[in-house]
Amino acid sequence: MKIKNYSFETEKLGRSLRIALVSDLHSREPLAVIEAVGKIRPDLICIAGDLTEALDGSMDDKNTYGFAALGALCAIAPTFYAPGNHEIAAYHRHHVVTPNPQPGTDRISAANRERIRAAGAHFLENTYEEWQGIAIGGLGSGMLEPDRRPRVDDLGGFFAYDGVKILICHHPEYYAKYLRDRDVDLVLSGHAHGGQWRLFGLGLYAPDQGLFPKYTSGVHEDTLVISRGTANTGGIIPRLFNPREVVCIRINETKERKS
């Protein structure tokens, strides 16, 4: 498991902060992920979706690894978890496993919400919490919403927060369309799996972006940070030149702490 480091400086935060970004485990064996996060020694862990599979109760027997990972991560540092499309049982434009539910239907069972709470995670689905003077928000997947539009307007209080704002948003393709013009300091994403195959430094394909997608990895516009994910999740297509990764985001770190 690769650890990818990115550094930021901001006067808005009067201290250093180290964040571990984890995405797209898809309830696979998590030991390498847990070990990598432990090496980072984060102050904060952000999970950008697809840690588990359908949380409506239909796939509970397949989520043992996902919940084991969640519990282990919560034991390392405060953990904030925003759902991806897999948690709500929505896959891709031509492959939606769960039919569109009635508006207002909770796509996550009460039992699984309790499992997340019992693990110690802060679950952020179109809401936010304040943590040590920072607003941490979570934007849910819009794949089962009308017109596939995420519920950005639910986060009005988050965007109005007077201070540092970190938004966990599984879908990196939402950044240009819905988030670029919003007042937010960092957007943390996954979903694209690094493009699955990386050729000449570029991802080949990403869901909801198509061939040669723009948003698959790295830092964009000093705001959007994208993880390539922590599992080989391309179905029968393996990763190529695209190692799995946990991202370490270092904000305002002094030289003494960069070990």
Protein backbone atom coordinates (compact mmCIF):
# COMPACT_ATOMS: atom_id res chain seq x y z
CA MET A 1 0.00 0.00 0.00
CA LYS A 2 1.52 3.31 -1.10
CA ILE A 3 1.34 6.42 1.07
CA LYS A 4 0.97 9.55 -1.07
CA ASN A 5 1.87 12.85 0.59
CA TYR A 6 0.52 16.32 -0.23
CA SER A 7 1.35 19.51 1.66
CA PHE A 8 -0.65 22.70 2.09
CA GLU A 9 -0.08 25.98 3.89
CA THR A 10 -2.84 28.26 5.14
CA GLU A 11 -3.01 31.17 7.55
CA LYS A 12 -6.65 30.30 8.27
CA LEU A 13 -5.52 27.44 10.52
CA GLY A 14 -3.23 28.47 13.35
CA ARG A 15 -1.68 25.03 13.82
CA SER A 16 -0.52 21.98 11.91
CA LEU A 17 -2.90 19.22 10.90
CA ARG A 18 -2.28 15.79 9.39
CA ILE A 19 -5.15 14.04 7.63
CA ALA A 20 -5.27 10.45 6.36
CA LEU A 21 -7.61 10.12 3.37
CA VAL A 22 -9.00 6.62 2.75
CA SER A 23 -11.38 5.73 -0.07
CA ASP A 24 -12.77 2.80 -2.05
CA LEU A 25 -11.89 -0.16 0.12
CA HIS A 26 -15.10 -1.88 -1.06
CA SER A 27 -15.04 -4.10 2.03
CA ARG A 28 -11.83 -5.85 0.97
CA GLU A 29 -9.18 -7.13 3.40
CA PRO A 30 -8.04 -3.96 5.23
CA LEU A 31 -4.79 -4.85 7.00
CA ALA A 32 -2.51 -2.95 4.59
CA VAL A 33 -4.76 0.11 4.81
CA ILE A 34 -4.79 0.08 8.61
CA GLU A 35 -1.00 -0.31 8.73
CA ALA A 36 -0.50 2.58 6.29
CA VAL A 37 -2.79 4.89 8.26
CA GLY A 38 -0.96 3.96 11.45
CA LYS A 39 2.34 4.95 9.87
CA ILE A 40 0.91 8.35 8.92
CA ARG A 41 0.03 9.11 12.56
CA PRO A 42 -2.90 11.34 11.56
CA ASP A 43 -4.74 13.85 13.69
CA LEU A 44 -7.83 13.13 11.63
CA ILE A 45 -9.05 10.40 9.27
CA CYS A 46 -11.45 11.14 6.41
CA ILE A 47 -13.17 8.28 4.58
CA ALA A 48 -14.36 9.38 1.14
CA GLY A 49 -16.92 6.69 0.48
CA ASP A 50 -17.17 3.12 -0.81
CA LEU A 51 -15.60 1.72 2.35
CA THR A 52 -18.46 -0.78 2.42
CA GLU A 53 -21.09 -2.12 0.05
CA ALA A 54 -24.88 -1.56 0.09
CA LEU A 55 -25.82 -0.51 3.61
CA ASP A 56 -29.56 -0.99 3.12
CA GLY A 57 -29.22 -4.43 4.71
CA SER A 58 -29.05 -6.42 1.49
CA MET A 59 -25.28 -7.03 1.64
CA ASP A 60 -24.54 -7.10 5.37
CA ASP A 61 -22.85 -10.50 5.02
CA LYS A 62 -20.28 -8.94 2.67
CA ASN A 63 -19.38 -5.96 4.85
CA THR A 64 -17.36 -7.66 7.57
CA TYR A 65 -14.06 -6.25 6.31
CA GLY A 66 -15.49 -2.76 5.82
CA PHE A 67 -16.74 -2.51 9.39
CA ALA A 68 -13.54 -4.08 10.74
CA ALA A 69 -11.60 -1.36 8.92
CA LEU A 70 -13.88 1.32 10.29
CA GLY A 71 -13.41 0.18 13.87
CA ALA A 72 -9.63 -0.03 13.48
CA LEU A 73 -9.42 3.43 11.91
CA CYS A 74 -11.54 4.97 14.66
CA ALA A 75 -9.09 3.54 17.19
CA ILE A 76 -6.24 5.44 15.49
CA ALA A 77 -7.76 8.93 15.25
CA PRO A 78 -11.11 10.77 15.03
CA THR A 79 -12.76 9.44 11.89
CA PHE A 80 -15.26 11.17 9.61
CA TYR A 81 -17.03 9.04 7.01
CA ALA A 82 -19.10 10.26 4.05
CA PRO A 83 -20.91 7.67 1.90
CA GLY A 84 -20.16 6.92 -1.72
CA ASN A 85 -22.41 5.43 -4.35
CA HIS A 86 -21.78 1.86 -3.17
CA GLU A 87 -23.04 2.53 0.35
CA ILE A 88 -26.41 3.58 -1.10
CA ALA A 89 -26.44 0.60 -3.54
CA ALA A 90 -26.11 2.79 -6.63
CA TYR A 91 -23.51 1.72 -9.13
CA HIS A 92 -23.21 3.39 -12.51
CA ARG A 93 -25.41 4.98 -15.14
CA HIS A 94 -26.15 1.70 -16.90
CA HIS A 95 -26.00 -0.52 -13.81
CA VAL A 96 -28.16 0.56 -10.89
CA VAL A 97 -28.70 -2.39 -8.57
CA THR A 98 -31.22 -0.71 -6.29
CA PRO A 99 -34.21 0.90 -8.06
CA ASN A 100 -34.75 4.57 -7.34
CA PRO A 101 -36.54 4.68 -3.98
CA GLN A 102 -39.31 7.04 -3.03
CA PRO A 103 -38.09 10.54 -2.09
CA GLY A 104 -37.10 10.65 1.55
CA THR A 105 -36.33 6.93 1.75
CA ASP A 106 -33.33 6.18 3.96
CA ARG A 107 -30.98 4.03 1.88
CA ILE A 108 -28.98 3.02 4.96
CA SER A 109 -30.62 0.72 7.49
CA ALA A 110 -31.01 1.72 11.13
CA ALA A 111 -28.88 -1.28 12.11
CA ASN A 112 -26.01 -0.14 9.91
CA ARG A 113 -26.26 3.44 11.12
CA GLU A 114 -25.91 2.02 14.62
CA ARG A 115 -22.88 -0.06 13.57
CA ILE A 116 -21.20 3.07 12.22
CA ARG A 117 -21.99 4.97 15.42
CA ALA A 118 -20.80 2.11 17.62
CA ALA A 119 -17.50 1.99 15.73
CA GLY A 120 -16.95 5.60 16.80
CA ALA A 121 -17.18 7.24 13.38
CA HIS A 122 -18.82 10.57 12.58
CA PHE A 123 -21.10 9.77 9.64
CA LEU A 124 -21.66 12.79 7.39
CA GLU A 125 -24.38 12.42 4.78
CA ASN A 126 -25.25 15.87 3.41
CA THR A 127 -24.40 17.44 6.75
CA TYR A 128 -21.40 18.70 8.69
CA GLU A 129 -19.88 18.85 12.15
CA GLU A 130 -17.45 21.23 13.83
CA TRP A 131 -14.26 19.57 15.04
CA GLN A 132 -11.55 21.57 16.84
CA GLY A 133 -12.53 24.78 15.07
CA ILE A 134 -12.83 23.16 11.64
CA ALA A 135 -16.05 22.44 9.75
CA ILE A 136 -15.99 18.94 8.27
CA GLY A 137 -18.77 18.23 5.81
CA GLY A 138 -19.91 15.20 3.86
CA LEU A 139 -21.67 15.40 0.48
CA GLY A 140 -23.50 12.20 -0.40
CA SER A 141 -23.69 10.58 -3.81
CA GLY A 142 -26.37 11.96 -6.12
CA MET A 143 -26.68 8.85 -8.25
CA LEU A 144 -30.19 8.03 -6.98
CA GLU A 145 -31.33 11.64 -6.66
CA PRO A 146 -33.53 13.39 -9.25
CA ASP A 147 -31.37 14.25 -12.28
CA ARG A 148 -28.48 12.55 -10.45
CA ARG A 149 -27.77 15.87 -8.71
CA PRO A 150 -26.15 15.73 -5.25
CA ARG A 151 -27.87 17.58 -2.42
CA VAL A 152 -25.39 20.46 -2.28
CA ASP A 153 -28.03 22.87 -0.99
CA ASP A 154 -28.32 20.82 2.21
CA LEU A 155 -24.85 22.09 3.13
CA GLY A 156 -25.69 25.79 3.25
CA GLY A 157 -24.61 26.01 6.90
CA PHE A 158 -21.32 24.32 6.08
CA PHE A 159 -20.46 26.74 3.27
CA ALA A 160 -21.40 29.70 5.50
CA TYR A 161 -19.13 28.53 8.33
CA ASP A 162 -16.57 31.17 9.31
CA GLY A 163 -13.36 29.18 9.40
CA VAL A 164 -11.55 26.29 7.75
CA LYS A 165 -13.90 24.00 5.80
CA ILE A 166 -13.06 20.46 4.67
CA LEU A 167 -15.63 18.65 2.51
CA ILE A 168 -15.57 14.89 2.02
CA CYS A 169 -17.14 14.20 -1.37
CA HIS A 170 -16.82 10.74 -2.93
CA HIS A 171 -17.32 11.95 -6.51
CA PRO A 172 -14.44 14.14 -7.81
CA GLU A 173 -16.45 15.03 -10.91
CA TYR A 174 -18.78 17.05 -8.69
CA TYR A 175 -16.03 19.57 -8.03
CA ALA A 176 -16.15 21.50 -11.33
CA LYS A 177 -19.94 21.46 -11.60
CA TYR A 178 -21.08 22.03 -8.03
CA LEU A 179 -18.20 22.99 -5.74
CA ARG A 180 -15.57 25.10 -7.50
CA ASP A 181 -17.40 28.36 -6.81
CA ARG A 182 -18.26 27.47 -3.21
CA ASP A 183 -16.31 28.69 -0.19
CA VAL A 184 -14.44 25.54 0.80
CA ASP A 185 -10.77 24.98 1.60
CA LEU A 186 -10.33 21.30 0.76
CA VAL A 187 -12.49 18.75 -1.07
CA LEU A 188 -11.46 15.13 -0.45
CA SER A 189 -12.57 12.53 -3.01
CA GLY A 190 -12.10 9.02 -4.39
CA HIS A 191 -14.41 7.06 -6.77
CA ALA A 192 -12.22 7.21 -9.91
CA HIS A 193 -9.80 4.46 -8.78
CA GLY A 194 -6.96 6.40 -10.38
CA GLY A 195 -8.38 5.68 -13.82
CA GLN A 196 -7.80 1.92 -13.23
CA TRP A 197 -5.04 1.87 -15.87
CA ARG A 198 -2.56 4.76 -15.85
CA LEU A 199 -0.73 5.37 -19.10
CA PHE A 200 1.81 8.20 -19.48
CA GLY A 201 0.67 9.54 -16.12
CA LEU A 202 -3.01 9.70 -17.09
CA GLY A 203 -5.97 7.59 -16.02
CA LEU A 204 -7.64 5.61 -18.80
CA TYR A 205 -11.26 5.48 -17.58
CA ALA A 206 -13.33 6.58 -14.61
CA PRO A 207 -17.01 6.02 -13.81
CA ASP A 208 -19.14 9.07 -14.57
CA GLN A 209 -16.22 10.69 -16.47
CA GLY A 210 -15.53 8.22 -19.27
CA LEU A 211 -12.28 7.80 -21.20
CA PHE A 212 -9.20 9.85 -20.29
CA PRO A 213 -10.92 11.53 -17.33
CA LYS A 214 -9.61 14.72 -15.78
CA TYR A 215 -10.20 13.93 -12.12
CA THR A 216 -8.59 10.63 -11.11
CA SER A 217 -5.65 11.43 -8.84
CA GLY A 218 -3.61 14.16 -7.18
CA VAL A 219 -4.37 17.77 -6.29
CA HIS A 220 -6.40 20.08 -8.52
CA GLU A 221 -6.62 23.86 -8.17
CA ASP A 222 -5.02 23.64 -4.71
CA THR A 223 -8.39 22.44 -3.37
CA LEU A 224 -9.48 19.05 -4.71
CA VAL A 225 -7.52 16.04 -3.41
CA ILE A 226 -8.28 12.68 -5.04
CA SER A 227 -7.26 9.28 -3.71
CA ARG A 228 -6.71 6.45 -6.17
CA GLY A 229 -8.36 4.12 -3.67
CA THR A 230 -7.31 1.19 -1.55
CA ALA A 231 -8.69 -1.87 -3.38
CA ASN A 232 -8.49 -3.33 -6.85
CA THR A 233 -12.10 -2.56 -7.72
CA GLY A 234 -12.19 -2.72 -11.51
CA GLY A 235 -14.19 -5.93 -11.65
CA ILE A 236 -12.26 -8.33 -13.88
CA ILE A 237 -9.94 -5.53 -15.03
CA PRO A 238 -6.88 -5.27 -12.75
CA ARG A 239 -5.03 -2.06 -12.00
CA LEU A 240 -2.12 -1.26 -14.29
CA PHE A 241 0.68 1.17 -13.33
CA ASN A 242 -1.73 2.37 -10.66
CA PRO A 243 -0.81 1.31 -7.11
CA ARG A 244 -3.36 1.42 -4.34
CA GLU A 245 -2.84 4.33 -1.96
CA VAL A 246 -3.68 6.01 1.29
CA VAL A 247 -3.26 9.78 1.05
CA CYS A 248 -1.54 11.84 3.74
CA ILE A 249 -2.46 15.53 3.72
CA ARG A 250 -0.06 17.69 5.73
CA ILE A 251 -1.25 21.20 6.58
CA ASN A 252 1.10 23.78 8.11
CA GLU A 253 3.57 21.14 9.23
CA THR A 254 6.87 22.16 10.79
CA LYS A 255 10.11 20.48 9.75
CA GLU A 256 10.22 18.71 13.10
CA ARG A 257 7.01 16.82 12.35
CA LYS A 258 7.68 15.73 8.77
CA SER A 259 9.13 12.36 9.79
